[in-house]
Amino acid sequence: MALKYYKNVVTLKLNPETCTGCGMCLEVCPHGVLKLFEGKSELFDRDSCMECGACEKNCPTHAIEVNAGVGCASAVIKGILRGTEPTCDCSGELGGSCC
């Protein structure tokens, strides 16, 4: 079972239109964040991403983007400074910009 980090702070993005379904990202991801579905990679467990950047570095079509190491660290620092729960809105759900 993969460790869970803070919810909705991971900078990982996947462009399904660019993905060719080669599966390289699945091979290099240490936490099983991605799965193949109907011939394309899909974010399966985004919150388990540790932002190591292996998937992005090994994607031959550049369908994956991750700001390696930024999301959780930024969320913790912002939470401490603001006195709130860690969040950097990397999910885009709150209309903010990513870390």
PDB file of N, CA and C in Angstrom:
ATOM      1  N   MET A   1       0.845  -1.193   0.000  1.00  0.00           N
ATOM      2  CA  MET A   1       0.000   0.000   0.000  1.00  0.00           C
ATOM      3  C   MET A   1       0.882   1.245   0.000  1.00  0.00           C
ATOM      4  N   ALA A   2       0.575   2.180  -0.865  1.00  0.00           N
ATOM      5  CA  ALA A   2       1.343   3.415  -0.968  1.00  0.00           C
ATOM      6  C   ALA A   2       0.987   4.361   0.165  1.00  0.00           C
ATOM      7  N   LEU A   3       1.957   5.144   0.571  1.00  0.00           N
ATOM      8  CA  LEU A   3       1.718   6.163   1.578  1.00  0.00           C
ATOM      9  C   LEU A   3       0.857   7.262   0.996  1.00  0.00           C
ATOM     10  N   LYS A   4       0.025   7.841   1.816  1.00  0.00           N
ATOM     11  CA  LYS A   4      -0.790   8.976   1.388  1.00  0.00           C
ATOM     12  C   LYS A   4      -0.129  10.241   1.909  1.00  0.00           C
ATOM     13  N   TYR A   5      -0.095  11.251   1.080  1.00  0.00           N
ATOM     14  CA  TYR A   5       0.452  12.533   1.473  1.00  0.00           C
ATOM     15  C   TYR A   5      -0.727  13.475   1.673  1.00  0.00           C
ATOM     16  N   TYR A   6      -0.542  14.737   1.566  1.00  0.00           N
ATOM     17  CA  TYR A   6      -1.658  15.663   1.727  1.00  0.00           C
ATOM     18  C   TYR A   6      -2.576  15.597   0.521  1.00  0.00           C
ATOM     19  N   LYS A   7      -3.862  15.727   0.770  1.00  0.00           N
ATOM     20  CA  LYS A   7      -4.864  15.627  -0.281  1.00  0.00           C
ATOM     21  C   LYS A   7      -4.845  16.869  -1.174  1.00  0.00           C
ATOM     22  N   ASN A   8      -4.898  16.622  -2.459  1.00  0.00           N
ATOM     23  CA  ASN A   8      -5.021  17.675  -3.483  1.00  0.00           C
ATOM     24  C   ASN A   8      -3.875  18.682  -3.516  1.00  0.00           C
ATOM     25  N   VAL A   9      -2.656  18.249  -3.225  1.00  0.00           N
ATOM     26  CA  VAL A   9      -1.519  19.158  -3.318  1.00  0.00           C
ATOM     27  C   VAL A   9      -0.498  18.718  -4.367  1.00  0.00           C
ATOM     28  N   VAL A  10      -0.684  17.574  -4.953  1.00  0.00           N
ATOM     29  CA  VAL A  10       0.274  17.035  -5.914  1.00  0.00           C
ATOM     30  C   VAL A  10       0.199  17.803  -7.229  1.00  0.00           C
ATOM     31  N   THR A  11       1.355  18.111  -7.796  1.00  0.00           N
ATOM     32  CA  THR A  11       1.419  18.888  -9.038  1.00  0.00           C
ATOM     33  C   THR A  11       1.299  18.027 -10.290  1.00  0.00           C
ATOM     34  N   LEU A  12       1.116  16.734 -10.137  1.00  0.00           N
ATOM     35  CA  LEU A  12       1.052  15.788 -11.248  1.00  0.00           C
ATOM     36  C   LEU A  12      -0.116  16.078 -12.182  1.00  0.00           C
ATOM     37  N   LYS A  13       0.199  16.157 -13.492  1.00  0.00           N
ATOM     38  CA  LYS A  13      -0.826  16.362 -14.518  1.00  0.00           C
ATOM     39  C   LYS A  13      -0.576  15.369 -15.643  1.00  0.00           C
ATOM     40  N   LEU A  14      -1.634  14.883 -16.228  1.00  0.00           N
ATOM     41  CA  LEU A  14      -1.551  13.946 -17.339  1.00  0.00           C
ATOM     42  C   LEU A  14      -2.419  14.461 -18.481  1.00  0.00           C
ATOM     43  N   ASN A  15      -1.840  14.511 -19.677  1.00  0.00           N
ATOM     44  CA  ASN A  15      -2.585  14.915 -20.861  1.00  0.00           C
ATOM     45  C   ASN A  15      -2.975  13.649 -21.616  1.00  0.00           C
ATOM     46  N   PRO A  16      -4.220  13.188 -21.479  1.00  0.00           N
ATOM     47  CA  PRO A  16      -4.628  11.939 -22.116  1.00  0.00           C
ATOM     48  C   PRO A  16      -4.588  11.992 -23.642  1.00  0.00           C
ATOM     49  N   GLU A  17      -4.670  13.169 -24.225  1.00  0.00           N
ATOM     50  CA  GLU A  17      -4.631  13.299 -25.681  1.00  0.00           C
ATOM     51  C   GLU A  17      -3.229  13.028 -26.232  1.00  0.00           C
ATOM     52  N   THR A  18      -2.207  13.297 -25.442  1.00  0.00           N
ATOM     53  CA  THR A  18      -0.822  13.082 -25.860  1.00  0.00           C
ATOM     54  C   THR A  18      -0.345  11.672 -25.522  1.00  0.00           C
ATOM     55  N   CYS A  19      -0.971  11.039 -24.550  1.00  0.00           N
ATOM     56  CA  CYS A  19      -0.575   9.697 -24.098  1.00  0.00           C
ATOM     57  C   CYS A  19      -0.812   8.665 -25.201  1.00  0.00           C
ATOM     58  N   THR A  20       0.190   7.808 -25.407  1.00  0.00           N
ATOM     59  CA  THR A  20       0.065   6.733 -26.404  1.00  0.00           C
ATOM     60  C   THR A  20      -0.191   5.376 -25.745  1.00  0.00           C
ATOM     61  N   GLY A  21      -0.200   5.328 -24.425  1.00  0.00           N
ATOM     62  CA  GLY A  21      -0.461   4.074 -23.725  1.00  0.00           C
ATOM     63  C   GLY A  21       0.719   3.130 -23.686  1.00  0.00           C
ATOM     64  N   CYS A  22       1.934   3.652 -23.780  1.00  0.00           N
ATOM     65  CA  CYS A  22       3.129   2.796 -23.788  1.00  0.00           C
ATOM     66  C   CYS A  22       3.352   2.103 -22.444  1.00  0.00           C
ATOM     67  N   GLY A  23       2.835   2.687 -21.353  1.00  0.00           N
ATOM     68  CA  GLY A  23       2.944   2.069 -20.036  1.00  0.00           C
ATOM     69  C   GLY A  23       4.244   2.338 -19.301  1.00  0.00           C
ATOM     70  N   MET A  24       5.117   3.145 -19.871  1.00  0.00           N
ATOM     71  CA  MET A  24       6.388   3.439 -19.218  1.00  0.00           C
ATOM     72  C   MET A  24       6.162   4.092 -17.849  1.00  0.00           C
ATOM     73  N   CYS A  25       5.199   4.969 -17.733  1.00  0.00           N
ATOM     74  CA  CYS A  25       4.931   5.647 -16.464  1.00  0.00           C
ATOM     75  C   CYS A  25       4.531   4.649 -15.374  1.00  0.00           C
ATOM     76  N   LEU A  26       3.782   3.618 -15.764  1.00  0.00           N
ATOM     77  CA  LEU A  26       3.384   2.594 -14.802  1.00  0.00           C
ATOM     78  C   LEU A  26       4.591   1.813 -14.297  1.00  0.00           C
ATOM     79  N   GLU A  27       5.542   1.573 -15.192  1.00  0.00           N
ATOM     80  CA  GLU A  27       6.737   0.811 -14.821  1.00  0.00           C
ATOM     81  C   GLU A  27       7.607   1.547 -13.827  1.00  0.00           C
ATOM     82  N   VAL A  28       7.729   2.866 -13.970  1.00  0.00           N
ATOM     83  CA  VAL A  28       8.663   3.619 -13.135  1.00  0.00           C
ATOM     84  C   VAL A  28       8.034   4.220 -11.883  1.00  0.00           C
ATOM     85  N   CYS A  29       6.724   4.268 -11.798  1.00  0.00           N
ATOM     86  CA  CYS A  29       6.059   4.865 -10.633  1.00  0.00           C
ATOM     87  C   CYS A  29       6.152   3.938  -9.424  1.00  0.00           C
ATOM     88  N   PRO A  30       6.807   4.389  -8.349  1.00  0.00           N
ATOM     89  CA  PRO A  30       6.964   3.532  -7.177  1.00  0.00           C
ATOM     90  C   PRO A  30       5.687   3.357  -6.350  1.00  0.00           C
ATOM     91  N   HIS A  31       4.659   4.163  -6.616  1.00  0.00           N
ATOM     92  CA  HIS A  31       3.443   4.105  -5.803  1.00  0.00           C
ATOM     93  C   HIS A  31       2.184   3.725  -6.562  1.00  0.00           C
ATOM     94  N   GLY A  32       2.302   3.306  -7.805  1.00  0.00           N
ATOM     95  CA  GLY A  32       1.128   2.866  -8.552  1.00  0.00           C
ATOM     96  C   GLY A  32       0.092   3.945  -8.756  1.00  0.00           C
ATOM     97  N   VAL A  33       0.537   5.156  -9.000  1.00  0.00           N
ATOM     98  CA  VAL A  33      -0.355   6.303  -9.153  1.00  0.00           C
ATOM     99  C   VAL A  33      -1.155   6.232 -10.452  1.00  0.00           C
ATOM    100  N   LEU A  34      -0.569   5.604 -11.479  1.00  0.00           N
ATOM    101  CA  LEU A  34      -1.199   5.541 -12.795  1.00  0.00           C
ATOM    102  C   LEU A  34      -1.590   4.115 -13.145  1.00  0.00           C
ATOM    103  N   LYS A  35      -2.621   3.984 -13.955  1.00  0.00           N
ATOM    104  CA  LYS A  35      -3.082   2.688 -14.475  1.00  0.00           C
ATOM    105  C   LYS A  35      -3.398   2.864 -15.955  1.00  0.00           C
ATOM    106  N   LEU A  36      -3.356   1.764 -16.691  1.00  0.00           N
ATOM    107  CA  LEU A  36      -3.795   1.805 -18.087  1.00  0.00           C
ATOM    108  C   LEU A  36      -5.292   1.524 -18.132  1.00  0.00           C
ATOM    109  N   PHE A  37      -6.007   2.326 -18.881  1.00  0.00           N
ATOM    110  CA  PHE A  37      -7.444   2.153 -19.045  1.00  0.00           C
ATOM    111  C   PHE A  37      -7.773   2.463 -20.496  1.00  0.00           C
ATOM    112  N   GLU A  38      -8.329   1.482 -21.179  1.00  0.00           N
ATOM    113  CA  GLU A  38      -8.696   1.622 -22.584  1.00  0.00           C
ATOM    114  C   GLU A  38      -7.528   2.140 -23.428  1.00  0.00           C
ATOM    115  N   GLY A  39      -6.343   1.589 -23.178  1.00  0.00           N
ATOM    116  CA  GLY A  39      -5.175   1.905 -23.987  1.00  0.00           C
ATOM    117  C   GLY A  39      -4.470   3.213 -23.689  1.00  0.00           C
ATOM    118  N   LYS A  40      -4.824   3.863 -22.602  1.00  0.00           N
ATOM    119  CA  LYS A  40      -4.201   5.131 -22.212  1.00  0.00           C
ATOM    120  C   LYS A  40      -3.914   5.113 -20.719  1.00  0.00           C
ATOM    121  N   SER A  41      -2.893   5.875 -20.321  1.00  0.00           N
ATOM    122  CA  SER A  41      -2.624   6.031 -18.893  1.00  0.00           C
ATOM    123  C   SER A  41      -3.695   6.916 -18.284  1.00  0.00           C
ATOM    124  N   GLU A  42      -3.957   6.657 -17.021  1.00  0.00           N
ATOM    125  CA  GLU A  42      -4.980   7.397 -16.294  1.00  0.00           C
ATOM    126  C   GLU A  42      -4.494   7.592 -14.863  1.00  0.00           C
ATOM    127  N   LEU A  43      -4.771   8.757 -14.277  1.00  0.00           N
ATOM    128  CA  LEU A  43      -4.417   8.982 -12.878  1.00  0.00           C
ATOM    129  C   LEU A  43      -5.358   8.156 -12.021  1.00  0.00           C
ATOM    130  N   PHE A  44      -4.793   7.185 -11.335  1.00  0.00           N
ATOM    131  CA  PHE A  44      -5.574   6.240 -10.545  1.00  0.00           C
ATOM    132  C   PHE A  44      -5.605   6.645  -9.076  1.00  0.00           C
ATOM    133  N   ASP A  45      -4.477   7.082  -8.543  1.00  0.00           N
ATOM    134  CA  ASP A  45      -4.371   7.418  -7.124  1.00  0.00           C
ATOM    135  C   ASP A  45      -3.445   8.621  -6.973  1.00  0.00           C
ATOM    136  N   ARG A  46      -3.873   9.745  -7.486  1.00  0.00           N
ATOM    137  CA  ARG A  46      -3.064  10.967  -7.552  1.00  0.00           C
ATOM    138  C   ARG A  46      -2.486  11.366  -6.208  1.00  0.00           C
ATOM    139  N   ASP A  47      -3.229  11.231  -5.142  1.00  0.00           N
ATOM    140  CA  ASP A  47      -2.761  11.657  -3.824  1.00  0.00           C
ATOM    141  C   ASP A  47      -1.641  10.785  -3.261  1.00  0.00           C
ATOM    142  N   SER A  48      -1.346   9.668  -3.898  1.00  0.00           N
ATOM    143  CA  SER A  48      -0.221   8.837  -3.470  1.00  0.00           C
ATOM    144  C   SER A  48       1.081   9.220  -4.167  1.00  0.00           C
ATOM    145  N   CYS A  49       1.012  10.166  -5.077  1.00  0.00           N
ATOM    146  CA  CYS A  49       2.201  10.607  -5.809  1.00  0.00           C
ATOM    147  C   CYS A  49       3.173  11.288  -4.854  1.00  0.00           C
ATOM    148  N   MET A  50       4.445  10.881  -4.924  1.00  0.00           N
ATOM    149  CA  MET A  50       5.471  11.510  -4.088  1.00  0.00           C
ATOM    150  C   MET A  50       6.285  12.525  -4.882  1.00  0.00           C
ATOM    151  N   GLU A  51       5.851  12.837  -6.090  1.00  0.00           N
ATOM    152  CA  GLU A  51       6.454  13.837  -6.949  1.00  0.00           C
ATOM    153  C   GLU A  51       7.943  13.587  -7.204  1.00  0.00           C
ATOM    154  N   CYS A  52       8.289  12.337  -7.448  1.00  0.00           N
ATOM    155  CA  CYS A  52       9.690  12.009  -7.735  1.00  0.00           C
ATOM    156  C   CYS A  52      10.081  12.422  -9.147  1.00  0.00           C
ATOM    157  N   GLY A  53       9.113  12.510 -10.056  1.00  0.00           N
ATOM    158  CA  GLY A  53       9.366  12.949 -11.418  1.00  0.00           C
ATOM    159  C   GLY A  53       9.739  11.837 -12.388  1.00  0.00           C
ATOM    160  N   ALA A  54       9.783  10.596 -11.917  1.00  0.00           N
ATOM    161  CA  ALA A  54      10.174   9.479 -12.791  1.00  0.00           C
ATOM    162  C   ALA A  54       9.233   9.316 -13.970  1.00  0.00           C
ATOM    163  N   CYS A  55       7.941   9.475 -13.750  1.00  0.00           N
ATOM    164  CA  CYS A  55       6.973   9.311 -14.837  1.00  0.00           C
ATOM    165  C   CYS A  55       7.190  10.359 -15.924  1.00  0.00           C
ATOM    166  N   GLU A  56       7.392  11.607 -15.521  1.00  0.00           N
ATOM    167  CA  GLU A  56       7.614  12.678 -16.490  1.00  0.00           C
ATOM    168  C   GLU A  56       8.906  12.451 -17.278  1.00  0.00           C
ATOM    169  N   LYS A  57       9.963  12.080 -16.585  1.00  0.00           N
ATOM    170  CA  LYS A  57      11.256  11.885 -17.242  1.00  0.00           C
ATOM    171  C   LYS A  57      11.237  10.717 -18.222  1.00  0.00           C
ATOM    172  N   ASN A  58      10.384   9.742 -18.005  1.00  0.00           N
ATOM    173  CA  ASN A  58      10.343   8.553 -18.848  1.00  0.00           C
ATOM    174  C   ASN A  58       9.204   8.531 -19.854  1.00  0.00           C
ATOM    175  N   CYS A  59       8.393   9.554 -19.894  1.00  0.00           N
ATOM    176  CA  CYS A  59       7.284   9.603 -20.855  1.00  0.00           C
ATOM    177  C   CYS A  59       7.802  10.074 -22.212  1.00  0.00           C
ATOM    178  N   PRO A  60       7.761   9.202 -23.223  1.00  0.00           N
ATOM    179  CA  PRO A  60       8.304   9.566 -24.530  1.00  0.00           C
ATOM    180  C   PRO A  60       7.494  10.627 -25.274  1.00  0.00           C
ATOM    181  N   THR A  61       6.236  10.842 -24.885  1.00  0.00           N
ATOM    182  CA  THR A  61       5.399  11.820 -25.584  1.00  0.00           C
ATOM    183  C   THR A  61       5.160  13.086 -24.767  1.00  0.00           C
ATOM    184  N   HIS A  62       5.801  13.183 -23.611  1.00  0.00           N
ATOM    185  CA  HIS A  62       5.668  14.354 -22.730  1.00  0.00           C
ATOM    186  C   HIS A  62       4.212  14.589 -22.311  1.00  0.00           C
ATOM    187  N   ALA A  63       3.494  13.494 -22.087  1.00  0.00           N
ATOM    188  CA  ALA A  63       2.087  13.585 -21.680  1.00  0.00           C
ATOM    189  C   ALA A  63       1.950  13.830 -20.183  1.00  0.00           C
ATOM    190  N   ILE A  64       3.057  13.711 -19.452  1.00  0.00           N
ATOM    191  CA  ILE A  64       3.017  13.857 -17.998  1.00  0.00           C
ATOM    192  C   ILE A  64       3.863  15.040 -17.584  1.00  0.00           C
ATOM    193  N   GLU A  65       3.317  15.795 -16.640  1.00  0.00           N
ATOM    194  CA  GLU A  65       4.022  16.948 -16.093  1.00  0.00           C
ATOM    195  C   GLU A  65       3.925  16.882 -14.573  1.00  0.00           C
ATOM    196  N   VAL A  66       5.045  17.067 -13.902  1.00  0.00           N
ATOM    197  CA  VAL A  66       5.044  17.116 -12.442  1.00  0.00           C
ATOM    198  C   VAL A  66       6.177  18.031 -12.005  1.00  0.00           C
ATOM    199  N   ASN A  67       5.873  18.904 -11.082  1.00  0.00           N
ATOM    200  CA  ASN A  67       6.884  19.794 -10.528  1.00  0.00           C
ATOM    201  C   ASN A  67       7.506  19.040  -9.358  1.00  0.00           C
ATOM    202  N   ALA A  68       8.486  18.232  -9.667  1.00  0.00           N
ATOM    203  CA  ALA A  68       9.039  17.268  -8.716  1.00  0.00           C
ATOM    204  C   ALA A  68       9.409  17.895  -7.378  1.00  0.00           C
ATOM    205  N   GLY A  69       8.809  17.352  -6.311  1.00  0.00           N
ATOM    206  CA  GLY A  69       9.137  17.738  -4.949  1.00  0.00           C
ATOM    207  C   GLY A  69       8.498  19.007  -4.431  1.00  0.00           C
ATOM    208  N   VAL A  70       7.654  19.653  -5.199  1.00  0.00           N
ATOM    209  CA  VAL A  70       7.148  20.963  -4.797  1.00  0.00           C
ATOM    210  C   VAL A  70       5.827  20.913  -4.028  1.00  0.00           C
ATOM    211  N   GLY A  71       4.855  20.150  -4.468  1.00  0.00           N
ATOM    212  CA  GLY A  71       3.495  20.211  -3.932  1.00  0.00           C
ATOM    213  C   GLY A  71       3.376  20.075  -2.437  1.00  0.00           C
ATOM    214  N   CYS A  72       3.847  18.992  -1.873  1.00  0.00           N
ATOM    215  CA  CYS A  72       3.694  18.766  -0.437  1.00  0.00           C
ATOM    216  C   CYS A  72       4.488  19.760   0.382  1.00  0.00           C
ATOM    217  N   ALA A  73       5.717  20.035  -0.031  1.00  0.00           N
ATOM    218  CA  ALA A  73       6.549  20.974   0.713  1.00  0.00           C
ATOM    219  C   ALA A  73       5.917  22.364   0.714  1.00  0.00           C
ATOM    220  N   SER A  74       5.460  22.800  -0.440  1.00  0.00           N
ATOM    221  CA  SER A  74       4.833  24.107  -0.539  1.00  0.00           C
ATOM    222  C   SER A  74       3.558  24.165   0.307  1.00  0.00           C
ATOM    223  N   ALA A  75       2.781  23.104   0.265  1.00  0.00           N
ATOM    224  CA  ALA A  75       1.531  23.067   1.029  1.00  0.00           C
ATOM    225  C   ALA A  75       1.792  23.158   2.528  1.00  0.00           C
ATOM    226  N   VAL A  76       2.793  22.450   3.016  1.00  0.00           N
ATOM    227  CA  VAL A  76       3.115  22.477   4.445  1.00  0.00           C
ATOM    228  C   VAL A  76       3.550  23.878   4.855  1.00  0.00           C
ATOM    229  N   ILE A  77       4.439  24.490   4.079  1.00  0.00           N
ATOM    230  CA  ILE A  77       4.935  25.829   4.416  1.00  0.00           C
ATOM    231  C   ILE A  77       3.803  26.852   4.393  1.00  0.00           C
ATOM    232  N   LYS A  78       2.969  26.821   3.349  1.00  0.00           N
ATOM    233  CA  LYS A  78       1.845  27.764   3.274  1.00  0.00           C
ATOM    234  C   LYS A  78       0.873  27.564   4.426  1.00  0.00           C
ATOM    235  N   GLY A  79       0.619  26.309   4.786  1.00  0.00           N
ATOM    236  CA  GLY A  79      -0.280  26.024   5.904  1.00  0.00           C
ATOM    237  C   GLY A  79       0.255  26.572   7.215  1.00  0.00           C
ATOM    238  N   ILE A  80       1.555  26.400   7.442  1.00  0.00           N
ATOM    239  CA  ILE A  80       2.168  26.914   8.670  1.00  0.00           C
ATOM    240  C   ILE A  80       2.095  28.436   8.710  1.00  0.00           C
ATOM    241  N   LEU A  81       2.454  29.069   7.606  1.00  0.00           N
ATOM    242  CA  LEU A  81       2.448  30.535   7.559  1.00  0.00           C
ATOM    243  C   LEU A  81       1.045  31.117   7.713  1.00  0.00           C
ATOM    244  N   ARG A  82       0.065  30.446   7.161  1.00  0.00           N
ATOM    245  CA  ARG A  82      -1.314  30.942   7.210  1.00  0.00           C
ATOM    246  C   ARG A  82      -2.104  30.417   8.402  1.00  0.00           C
ATOM    247  N   GLY A  83      -1.554  29.409   9.082  1.00  0.00           N
ATOM    248  CA  GLY A  83      -2.276  28.798  10.195  1.00  0.00           C
ATOM    249  C   GLY A  83      -3.468  27.985   9.717  1.00  0.00           C
ATOM    250  N   THR A  84      -3.342  27.398   8.523  1.00  0.00           N
ATOM    251  CA  THR A  84      -4.430  26.624   7.933  1.00  0.00           C
ATOM    252  C   THR A  84      -3.954  25.212   7.613  1.00  0.00           C
ATOM    253  N   GLU A  85      -4.855  24.410   7.100  1.00  0.00           N
ATOM    254  CA  GLU A  85      -4.483  23.087   6.606  1.00  0.00           C
ATOM    255  C   GLU A  85      -3.589  23.261   5.386  1.00  0.00           C
ATOM    256  N   PRO A  86      -2.661  22.337   5.181  1.00  0.00           N
ATOM    257  CA  PRO A  86      -1.795  22.434   4.001  1.00  0.00           C
ATOM    258  C   PRO A  86      -2.598  22.377   2.705  1.00  0.00           C
ATOM    259  N   THR A  87      -2.395  23.357   1.826  1.00  0.00           N
ATOM    260  CA  THR A  87      -3.004  23.342   0.504  1.00  0.00           C
ATOM    261  C   THR A  87      -2.258  24.284  -0.418  1.00  0.00           C
ATOM    262  N   CYS A  88      -2.096  23.865  -1.636  1.00  0.00           N
ATOM    263  CA  CYS A  88      -1.501  24.762  -2.648  1.00  0.00           C
ATOM    264  C   CYS A  88      -2.376  24.778  -3.879  1.00  0.00           C
ATOM    265  N   ASP A  89      -3.525  24.144  -3.808  1.00  0.00           N
ATOM    266  CA  ASP A  89      -4.515  24.079  -4.878  1.00  0.00           C
ATOM    267  C   ASP A  89      -3.939  23.619  -6.208  1.00  0.00           C
ATOM    268  N   CYS A  90      -3.083  22.641  -6.157  1.00  0.00           N
ATOM    269  CA  CYS A  90      -2.545  22.108  -7.411  1.00  0.00           C
ATOM    270  C   CYS A  90      -3.609  21.361  -8.200  1.00  0.00           C
ATOM    271  N   SER A  91      -4.713  21.061  -7.570  1.00  0.00           N
ATOM    272  CA  SER A  91      -5.795  20.369  -8.265  1.00  0.00           C
ATOM    273  C   SER A  91      -6.558  21.319  -9.177  1.00  0.00           C
ATOM    274  N   GLY A  92      -6.445  22.621  -8.906  1.00  0.00           N
ATOM    275  CA  GLY A  92      -7.177  23.600  -9.689  1.00  0.00           C
ATOM    276  C   GLY A  92      -8.620  23.740  -9.270  1.00  0.00           C
ATOM    277  N   GLU A  93      -9.040  22.964  -8.262  1.00  0.00           N
ATOM    278  CA  GLU A  93     -10.436  22.961  -7.845  1.00  0.00           C
ATOM    279  C   GLU A  93     -10.865  24.281  -7.208  1.00  0.00           C
ATOM    280  N   LEU A  94      -9.922  25.005  -6.623  1.00  0.00           N
ATOM    281  CA  LEU A  94     -10.269  26.254  -5.974  1.00  0.00           C
ATOM    282  C   LEU A  94     -10.034  27.471  -6.863  1.00  0.00           C
ATOM    283  N   GLY A  95      -9.673  27.215  -8.123  1.00  0.00           N
ATOM    284  CA  GLY A  95      -9.468  28.286  -9.073  1.00  0.00           C
ATOM    285  C   GLY A  95      -8.122  28.978  -8.955  1.00  0.00           C
ATOM    286  N   GLY A  96      -7.252  28.479  -8.098  1.00  0.00           N
ATOM    287  CA  GLY A  96      -5.940  29.090  -7.933  1.00  0.00           C
ATOM    288  C   GLY A  96      -4.935  28.525  -8.896  1.00  0.00           C
ATOM    289  N   SER A  97      -3.753  29.099  -8.842  1.00  0.00           N
ATOM    290  CA  SER A  97      -2.684  28.585  -9.705  1.00  0.00           C
ATOM    291  C   SER A  97      -1.888  27.542  -8.940  1.00  0.00           C
ATOM    292  N   CYS A  98      -1.173  26.727  -9.665  1.00  0.00           N
ATOM    293  CA  CYS A  98      -0.408  25.662  -9.054  1.00  0.00           C
ATOM    294  C   CYS A  98       0.860  26.221  -8.415  1.00  0.00           C
ATOM    295  N   CYS A  99       1.421  25.438  -7.521  1.00  0.00           N
ATOM    296  CA  CYS A  99       2.634  25.804  -6.790  1.00  0.00           C
ATOM    297  C   CYS A  99       3.584  26.478  -7.713  1.00  0.00           C
TER     298      CYS A  99
END
